[in-house]
Amino acid sequence: MASLQELLTQQPPTTSGVHEAMAQHAEDTFTQLGGILPLFVGKRKKGNYLTFALPNAVTQDNGALLQTLSDIIFVYDLKLASFMTAIRTRVHESSIPKLGALLMTADDAKALFQLPWELEFDSASNLVNSTRSSSDGEIIPRSTWEAFFARTGDLNARQVVYETLIQRFGSQDQLPPISLTHVSSAVRPMPLDIRLPQNAILPPPR
């Protein structure tokens, strides 16, 4: 199984290239580990990629997921963000939700890519097959991503949000270190009332 770093070097250094590298890594994880790895990859405006796992407390709650994406992009001054998570989808309103997976990648130049997977499990709940799928409309609207990347704040604001992230992730060891040497001076807080479309992302089963 190739590492994500190896896959990134095999793709062009573009948003679509990062998206495809993440997709290939997700499919390798499906095959090799038989599960879904909630993962975040970001590219700093000044610096290298950063990669870390997303905790269940974040991925199992729509509001927490959106707020965390906003906070990560703000704290690390990112120009690109990509994340992988489990989802539940319905074919019809009355149908039973099925466990799937979702990859989304966006950047500060308004590029947006999304890739859901349909997953198949055997009687022992082992992941046995994955199929790339599609979604009607934007799961997280482009305007929401634009707001994430437009968020600005001073050094103190960035430090406060970083400390909030530490609490959400449970430990500072779960997050990359931050640089507070170059940030915008104007403070424009991110509103907290943005939500995904209903039923777009639901918690995976426990």
C-alpha atoms as a PDB file:
ATOM      1  CA  MET A   1       0.000   0.000   0.000  1.00  0.00           C
ATOM      2  CA  ALA A   2       1.549   3.270  -1.143  1.00  0.00           C
ATOM      3  CA  SER A   3       1.706   6.063   1.414  1.00  0.00           C
ATOM      4  CA  LEU A   4      -0.294   9.217   0.879  1.00  0.00           C
ATOM      5  CA  GLN A   5       2.955  11.142   0.447  1.00  0.00           C
ATOM      6  CA  GLU A   6       3.972   8.809  -2.379  1.00  0.00           C
ATOM      7  CA  LEU A   7       0.578   9.168  -4.036  1.00  0.00           C
ATOM      8  CA  LEU A   8       0.786  12.954  -3.810  1.00  0.00           C
ATOM      9  CA  THR A   9       4.152  12.957  -5.586  1.00  0.00           C
ATOM     10  CA  GLN A  10       2.673  10.835  -8.386  1.00  0.00           C
ATOM     11  CA  GLN A  11      -0.054  13.401  -9.120  1.00  0.00           C
ATOM     12  CA  PRO A  12       0.279  16.940 -10.487  1.00  0.00           C
ATOM     13  CA  PRO A  13       0.563  19.587  -7.729  1.00  0.00           C
ATOM     14  CA  THR A  14      -2.962  20.839  -8.364  1.00  0.00           C
ATOM     15  CA  THR A  15      -6.200  20.645  -6.436  1.00  0.00           C
ATOM     16  CA  SER A  16      -7.475  17.916  -8.741  1.00  0.00           C
ATOM     17  CA  GLY A  17      -4.176  16.059  -8.281  1.00  0.00           C
ATOM     18  CA  VAL A  18      -4.496  16.163  -4.498  1.00  0.00           C
ATOM     19  CA  HIS A  19      -8.102  14.994  -4.799  1.00  0.00           C
ATOM     20  CA  GLU A  20      -7.101  11.981  -6.901  1.00  0.00           C
ATOM     21  CA  ALA A  21      -4.234  11.094  -4.565  1.00  0.00           C
ATOM     22  CA  MET A  22      -6.643  11.176  -1.632  1.00  0.00           C
ATOM     23  CA  ALA A  23      -9.116   9.036  -3.601  1.00  0.00           C
ATOM     24  CA  GLN A  24      -6.482   6.425  -4.370  1.00  0.00           C
ATOM     25  CA  HIS A  25      -5.351   6.383  -0.738  1.00  0.00           C
ATOM     26  CA  ALA A  26      -8.965   5.925   0.400  1.00  0.00           C
ATOM     27  CA  GLU A  27      -9.459   2.999  -1.981  1.00  0.00           C
ATOM     28  CA  ASP A  28      -6.207   1.414  -0.812  1.00  0.00           C
ATOM     29  CA  THR A  29      -7.490   1.780   2.744  1.00  0.00           C
ATOM     30  CA  PHE A  30     -10.786   0.144   1.811  1.00  0.00           C
ATOM     31  CA  THR A  31      -8.896  -2.823   0.379  1.00  0.00           C
ATOM     32  CA  GLN A  32      -6.013  -3.191   2.808  1.00  0.00           C
ATOM     33  CA  LEU A  33      -7.663  -2.199   6.081  1.00  0.00           C
ATOM     34  CA  GLY A  34     -11.271  -3.008   5.277  1.00  0.00           C
ATOM     35  CA  GLY A  35     -12.533   0.296   6.620  1.00  0.00           C
ATOM     36  CA  ILE A  36     -12.809   4.063   6.274  1.00  0.00           C
ATOM     37  CA  LEU A  37     -10.051   6.319   7.619  1.00  0.00           C
ATOM     38  CA  PRO A  38     -11.329   9.840   8.416  1.00  0.00           C
ATOM     39  CA  LEU A  39      -8.431  11.896   7.146  1.00  0.00           C
ATOM     40  CA  PHE A  40      -7.632  15.561   6.521  1.00  0.00           C
ATOM     41  CA  VAL A  41      -4.970  16.944   4.182  1.00  0.00           C
ATOM     42  CA  GLY A  42      -4.244  20.641   3.833  1.00  0.00           C
ATOM     43  CA  LYS A  43      -1.779  22.814   1.904  1.00  0.00           C
ATOM     44  CA  ARG A  44      -0.550  25.943   3.614  1.00  0.00           C
ATOM     45  CA  LYS A  45      -0.299  29.246   1.758  1.00  0.00           C
ATOM     46  CA  LYS A  46       3.302  29.368   2.965  1.00  0.00           C
ATOM     47  CA  GLY A  47       4.571  25.888   3.703  1.00  0.00           C
ATOM     48  CA  ASN A  48       4.104  22.211   3.053  1.00  0.00           C
ATOM     49  CA  TYR A  49       1.232  19.771   3.301  1.00  0.00           C
ATOM     50  CA  LEU A  50      -0.146  18.753   6.656  1.00  0.00           C
ATOM     51  CA  THR A  51      -2.018  15.512   7.321  1.00  0.00           C
ATOM     52  CA  PHE A  52      -3.877  14.181  10.355  1.00  0.00           C
ATOM     53  CA  ALA A  53      -6.814  11.972  11.306  1.00  0.00           C
ATOM     54  CA  LEU A  54     -10.204  13.435  12.162  1.00  0.00           C
ATOM     55  CA  PRO A  55     -11.677  12.227  15.475  1.00  0.00           C
ATOM     56  CA  ASN A  56     -15.083  10.535  15.644  1.00  0.00           C
ATOM     57  CA  ALA A  57     -16.437  13.414  17.709  1.00  0.00           C
ATOM     58  CA  VAL A  58     -15.927  15.610  14.641  1.00  0.00           C
ATOM     59  CA  THR A  59     -16.976  13.304  11.808  1.00  0.00           C
ATOM     60  CA  GLN A  60     -20.133  12.079  13.547  1.00  0.00           C
ATOM     61  CA  ASP A  61     -21.675  15.541  13.901  1.00  0.00           C
ATOM     62  CA  ASN A  62     -22.492  17.826  10.981  1.00  0.00           C
ATOM     63  CA  GLY A  63     -22.022  21.066  12.862  1.00  0.00           C
ATOM     64  CA  ALA A  64     -18.778  19.955  14.487  1.00  0.00           C
ATOM     65  CA  LEU A  65     -17.406  18.829  11.122  1.00  0.00           C
ATOM     66  CA  LEU A  66     -18.130  22.138   9.425  1.00  0.00           C
ATOM     67  CA  GLN A  67     -16.813  24.200  12.318  1.00  0.00           C
ATOM     68  CA  THR A  68     -13.659  22.080  12.462  1.00  0.00           C
ATOM     69  CA  LEU A  69     -13.018  22.472   8.731  1.00  0.00           C
ATOM     70  CA  SER A  70     -13.389  26.230   9.100  1.00  0.00           C
ATOM     71  CA  ASP A  71     -11.120  26.322  12.153  1.00  0.00           C
ATOM     72  CA  ILE A  72      -8.391  24.176  10.558  1.00  0.00           C
ATOM     73  CA  ILE A  73      -8.297  26.285   7.404  1.00  0.00           C
ATOM     74  CA  PHE A  74      -8.124  29.448   9.514  1.00  0.00           C
ATOM     75  CA  VAL A  75      -5.545  28.311  12.076  1.00  0.00           C
ATOM     76  CA  TYR A  76      -3.125  26.811   9.552  1.00  0.00           C
ATOM     77  CA  ASP A  77      -3.675  29.503   6.887  1.00  0.00           C
ATOM     78  CA  LEU A  78      -4.521  26.934   4.226  1.00  0.00           C
ATOM     79  CA  LYS A  79      -5.057  27.468   0.528  1.00  0.00           C
ATOM     80  CA  LEU A  80      -6.298  23.907  -0.043  1.00  0.00           C
ATOM     81  CA  ALA A  81      -8.259  21.454   2.084  1.00  0.00           C
ATOM     82  CA  SER A  82      -9.250  17.833   1.478  1.00  0.00           C
ATOM     83  CA  PHE A  83     -11.033  15.479   3.844  1.00  0.00           C
ATOM     84  CA  MET A  84     -12.320  11.912   3.885  1.00  0.00           C
ATOM     85  CA  THR A  85     -15.182  10.711   6.079  1.00  0.00           C
ATOM     86  CA  ALA A  86     -17.888   8.090   6.436  1.00  0.00           C
ATOM     87  CA  ILE A  87     -21.404   9.069   5.377  1.00  0.00           C
ATOM     88  CA  ARG A  88     -24.858   7.612   5.345  1.00  0.00           C
ATOM     89  CA  THR A  89     -26.971   7.991   2.223  1.00  0.00           C
ATOM     90  CA  ARG A  90     -30.545   7.215   1.233  1.00  0.00           C
ATOM     91  CA  VAL A  91     -31.689   6.258  -2.251  1.00  0.00           C
ATOM     92  CA  HIS A  92     -35.183   7.433  -1.310  1.00  0.00           C
ATOM     93  CA  GLU A  93     -36.532   9.320   1.688  1.00  0.00           C
ATOM     94  CA  SER A  94     -38.191   6.153   2.966  1.00  0.00           C
ATOM     95  CA  SER A  95     -35.211   3.856   2.390  1.00  0.00           C
ATOM     96  CA  ILE A  96     -32.829   2.678   5.101  1.00  0.00           C
ATOM     97  CA  PRO A  97     -29.590   4.730   5.181  1.00  0.00           C
ATOM     98  CA  LYS A  98     -26.544   2.930   3.813  1.00  0.00           C
ATOM     99  CA  LEU A  99     -22.996   3.464   4.971  1.00  0.00           C
ATOM    100  CA  GLY A 100     -20.756   5.037   2.379  1.00  0.00           C
ATOM    101  CA  ALA A 101     -17.712   7.279   2.154  1.00  0.00           C
ATOM    102  CA  LEU A 102     -17.108  10.812   0.941  1.00  0.00           C
ATOM    103  CA  LEU A 103     -14.057  12.753  -0.198  1.00  0.00           C
ATOM    104  CA  MET A 104     -14.186  16.513  -0.701  1.00  0.00           C
ATOM    105  CA  THR A 105     -11.377  18.802  -1.861  1.00  0.00           C
ATOM    106  CA  ALA A 106     -11.529  22.583  -2.238  1.00  0.00           C
ATOM    107  CA  ASP A 107      -9.165  25.534  -2.540  1.00  0.00           C
ATOM    108  CA  ASP A 108      -9.113  29.288  -2.164  1.00  0.00           C
ATOM    109  CA  ALA A 109      -9.433  29.727  -5.934  1.00  0.00           C
ATOM    110  CA  LYS A 110     -12.975  28.242  -5.791  1.00  0.00           C
ATOM    111  CA  ALA A 111     -12.075  24.800  -7.163  1.00  0.00           C
ATOM    112  CA  LEU A 112     -14.297  22.095  -5.679  1.00  0.00           C
ATOM    113  CA  PHE A 113     -14.240  18.321  -6.107  1.00  0.00           C
ATOM    114  CA  GLN A 114     -16.402  15.748  -4.367  1.00  0.00           C
ATOM    115  CA  LEU A 115     -16.397  11.970  -4.630  1.00  0.00           C
ATOM    116  CA  PRO A 116     -18.807   9.659  -2.801  1.00  0.00           C
ATOM    117  CA  TRP A 117     -18.359   5.890  -2.724  1.00  0.00           C
ATOM    118  CA  GLU A 118     -20.987   3.190  -2.495  1.00  0.00           C
ATOM    119  CA  LEU A 119     -19.717   0.486  -0.145  1.00  0.00           C
ATOM    120  CA  GLU A 120     -20.676  -3.168   0.113  1.00  0.00           C
ATOM    121  CA  PHE A 121     -20.274  -5.270   3.261  1.00  0.00           C
ATOM    122  CA  ASP A 122     -20.553  -9.007   3.833  1.00  0.00           C
ATOM    123  CA  SER A 123     -22.610 -10.699   6.545  1.00  0.00           C
ATOM    124  CA  ALA A 124     -19.749 -10.181   9.005  1.00  0.00           C
ATOM    125  CA  SER A 125     -19.721  -6.403   8.297  1.00  0.00           C
ATOM    126  CA  ASN A 126     -16.433  -6.614   6.387  1.00  0.00           C
ATOM    127  CA  LEU A 127     -15.981  -4.091   3.588  1.00  0.00           C
ATOM    128  CA  VAL A 128     -15.790  -6.160   0.404  1.00  0.00           C
ATOM    129  CA  ASN A 129     -16.333  -3.686  -2.421  1.00  0.00           C
ATOM    130  CA  SER A 130     -16.330   0.043  -3.174  1.00  0.00           C
ATOM    131  CA  THR A 131     -17.670   1.886  -6.203  1.00  0.00           C
ATOM    132  CA  ARG A 132     -17.047   5.497  -7.118  1.00  0.00           C
ATOM    133  CA  SER A 133     -20.353   7.309  -7.322  1.00  0.00           C
ATOM    134  CA  SER A 134     -21.709  10.821  -7.788  1.00  0.00           C
ATOM    135  CA  SER A 135     -23.936  13.262  -5.960  1.00  0.00           C
ATOM    136  CA  ASP A 136     -26.658  15.611  -7.096  1.00  0.00           C
ATOM    137  CA  GLY A 137     -25.496  19.098  -6.212  1.00  0.00           C
ATOM    138  CA  GLU A 138     -22.759  20.283  -3.885  1.00  0.00           C
ATOM    139  CA  ILE A 139     -22.685  18.403  -0.589  1.00  0.00           C
ATOM    140  CA  ILE A 140     -20.901  21.291   1.102  1.00  0.00           C
ATOM    141  CA  PRO A 141     -21.813  24.342  -1.002  1.00  0.00           C
ATOM    142  CA  ARG A 142     -19.071  26.215  -2.799  1.00  0.00           C
ATOM    143  CA  SER A 143     -20.138  29.388  -1.003  1.00  0.00           C
ATOM    144  CA  THR A 144     -19.442  27.704   2.337  1.00  0.00           C
ATOM    145  CA  TRP A 145     -15.912  26.774   1.259  1.00  0.00           C
ATOM    146  CA  GLU A 146     -15.379  30.338   0.045  1.00  0.00           C
ATOM    147  CA  ALA A 147     -16.365  31.587   3.508  1.00  0.00           C
ATOM    148  CA  PHE A 148     -13.936  29.133   5.119  1.00  0.00           C
ATOM    149  CA  PHE A 149     -11.017  30.390   3.033  1.00  0.00           C
ATOM    150  CA  ALA A 150     -12.005  34.053   3.419  1.00  0.00           C
ATOM    151  CA  ARG A 151     -11.911  33.891   7.215  1.00  0.00           C
ATOM    152  CA  THR A 152      -9.266  36.172   8.718  1.00  0.00           C
ATOM    153  CA  GLY A 153      -8.033  37.086  12.194  1.00  0.00           C
ATOM    154  CA  ASP A 154      -5.087  38.338  14.201  1.00  0.00           C
ATOM    155  CA  LEU A 155      -2.549  36.317  16.195  1.00  0.00           C
ATOM    156  CA  ASN A 156      -4.701  36.167  19.297  1.00  0.00           C
ATOM    157  CA  ALA A 157      -7.752  34.963  17.394  1.00  0.00           C
ATOM    158  CA  ARG A 158      -5.734  32.232  15.718  1.00  0.00           C
ATOM    159  CA  GLN A 159      -4.295  31.074  19.042  1.00  0.00           C
ATOM    160  CA  VAL A 160      -7.743  30.946  20.649  1.00  0.00           C
ATOM    161  CA  VAL A 161      -9.134  28.846  17.817  1.00  0.00           C
ATOM    162  CA  TYR A 162      -6.104  26.547  17.951  1.00  0.00           C
ATOM    163  CA  GLU A 163      -6.768  25.898  21.633  1.00  0.00           C
ATOM    164  CA  THR A 164     -10.383  25.115  20.774  1.00  0.00           C
ATOM    165  CA  LEU A 165      -9.184  22.589  18.203  1.00  0.00           C
ATOM    166  CA  ILE A 166      -6.960  20.934  20.812  1.00  0.00           C
ATOM    167  CA  GLN A 167     -10.001  20.444  23.031  1.00  0.00           C
ATOM    168  CA  ARG A 168     -12.010  19.041  20.125  1.00  0.00           C
ATOM    169  CA  PHE A 169      -9.235  16.626  19.114  1.00  0.00           C
ATOM    170  CA  GLY A 170      -8.505  15.620  22.698  1.00  0.00           C
ATOM    171  CA  SER A 171      -4.757  16.315  22.647  1.00  0.00           C
ATOM    172  CA  GLN A 172      -2.242  18.709  21.134  1.00  0.00           C
ATOM    173  CA  ASP A 173      -0.352  15.636  19.907  1.00  0.00           C
ATOM    174  CA  GLN A 174      -3.187  14.968  17.434  1.00  0.00           C
ATOM    175  CA  LEU A 175      -2.593  18.247  15.601  1.00  0.00           C
ATOM    176  CA  PRO A 176       0.349  19.701  13.642  1.00  0.00           C
ATOM    177  CA  PRO A 177       2.149  22.668  15.228  1.00  0.00           C
ATOM    178  CA  ILE A 178       1.049  26.098  14.059  1.00  0.00           C
ATOM    179  CA  SER A 179       2.943  29.155  12.888  1.00  0.00           C
ATOM    180  CA  LEU A 180       1.758  32.529  14.168  1.00  0.00           C
ATOM    181  CA  THR A 181       4.273  34.661  12.306  1.00  0.00           C
ATOM    182  CA  HIS A 182       2.161  35.741   9.325  1.00  0.00           C
ATOM    183  CA  VAL A 183      -1.565  36.356   9.631  1.00  0.00           C
ATOM    184  CA  SER A 184      -3.990  39.041   8.572  1.00  0.00           C
ATOM    185  CA  SER A 185      -4.616  41.889  10.991  1.00  0.00           C
ATOM    186  CA  ALA A 186      -8.375  42.271  10.560  1.00  0.00           C
ATOM    187  CA  VAL A 187     -10.623  40.010  12.605  1.00  0.00           C
ATOM    188  CA  ARG A 188     -13.654  38.591  10.813  1.00  0.00           C
ATOM    189  CA  PRO A 189     -15.093  35.659  12.790  1.00  0.00           C
ATOM    190  CA  MET A 190     -16.634  32.729  10.973  1.00  0.00           C
ATOM    191  CA  PRO A 191     -20.407  32.402  11.592  1.00  0.00           C
ATOM    192  CA  LEU A 192     -21.353  29.221  13.417  1.00  0.00           C
ATOM    193  CA  ASP A 193     -24.738  28.596  11.822  1.00  0.00           C
ATOM    194  CA  ILE A 194     -23.636  27.040   8.507  1.00  0.00           C
ATOM    195  CA  ARG A 195     -25.078  23.565   8.033  1.00  0.00           C
ATOM    196  CA  LEU A 196     -24.878  20.855   5.423  1.00  0.00           C
ATOM    197  CA  PRO A 197     -27.981  20.022   3.383  1.00  0.00           C
ATOM    198  CA  GLN A 198     -30.235  17.720   5.412  1.00  0.00           C
ATOM    199  CA  ASN A 199     -29.081  14.091   5.414  1.00  0.00           C
ATOM    200  CA  ALA A 200     -25.961  14.877   3.388  1.00  0.00           C
ATOM    201  CA  ILE A 201     -23.573  13.604   6.043  1.00  0.00           C
ATOM    202  CA  LEU A 202     -24.773  11.439   8.887  1.00  0.00           C
ATOM    203  CA  PRO A 203     -22.876   9.663  11.658  1.00  0.00           C
ATOM    204  CA  PRO A 204     -21.557   6.203  10.847  1.00  0.00           C
ATOM    205  CA  PRO A 205     -22.995   3.381  12.958  1.00  0.00           C
ATOM    206  CA  ARG A 206     -21.275   2.769  16.280  1.00  0.00           C
END
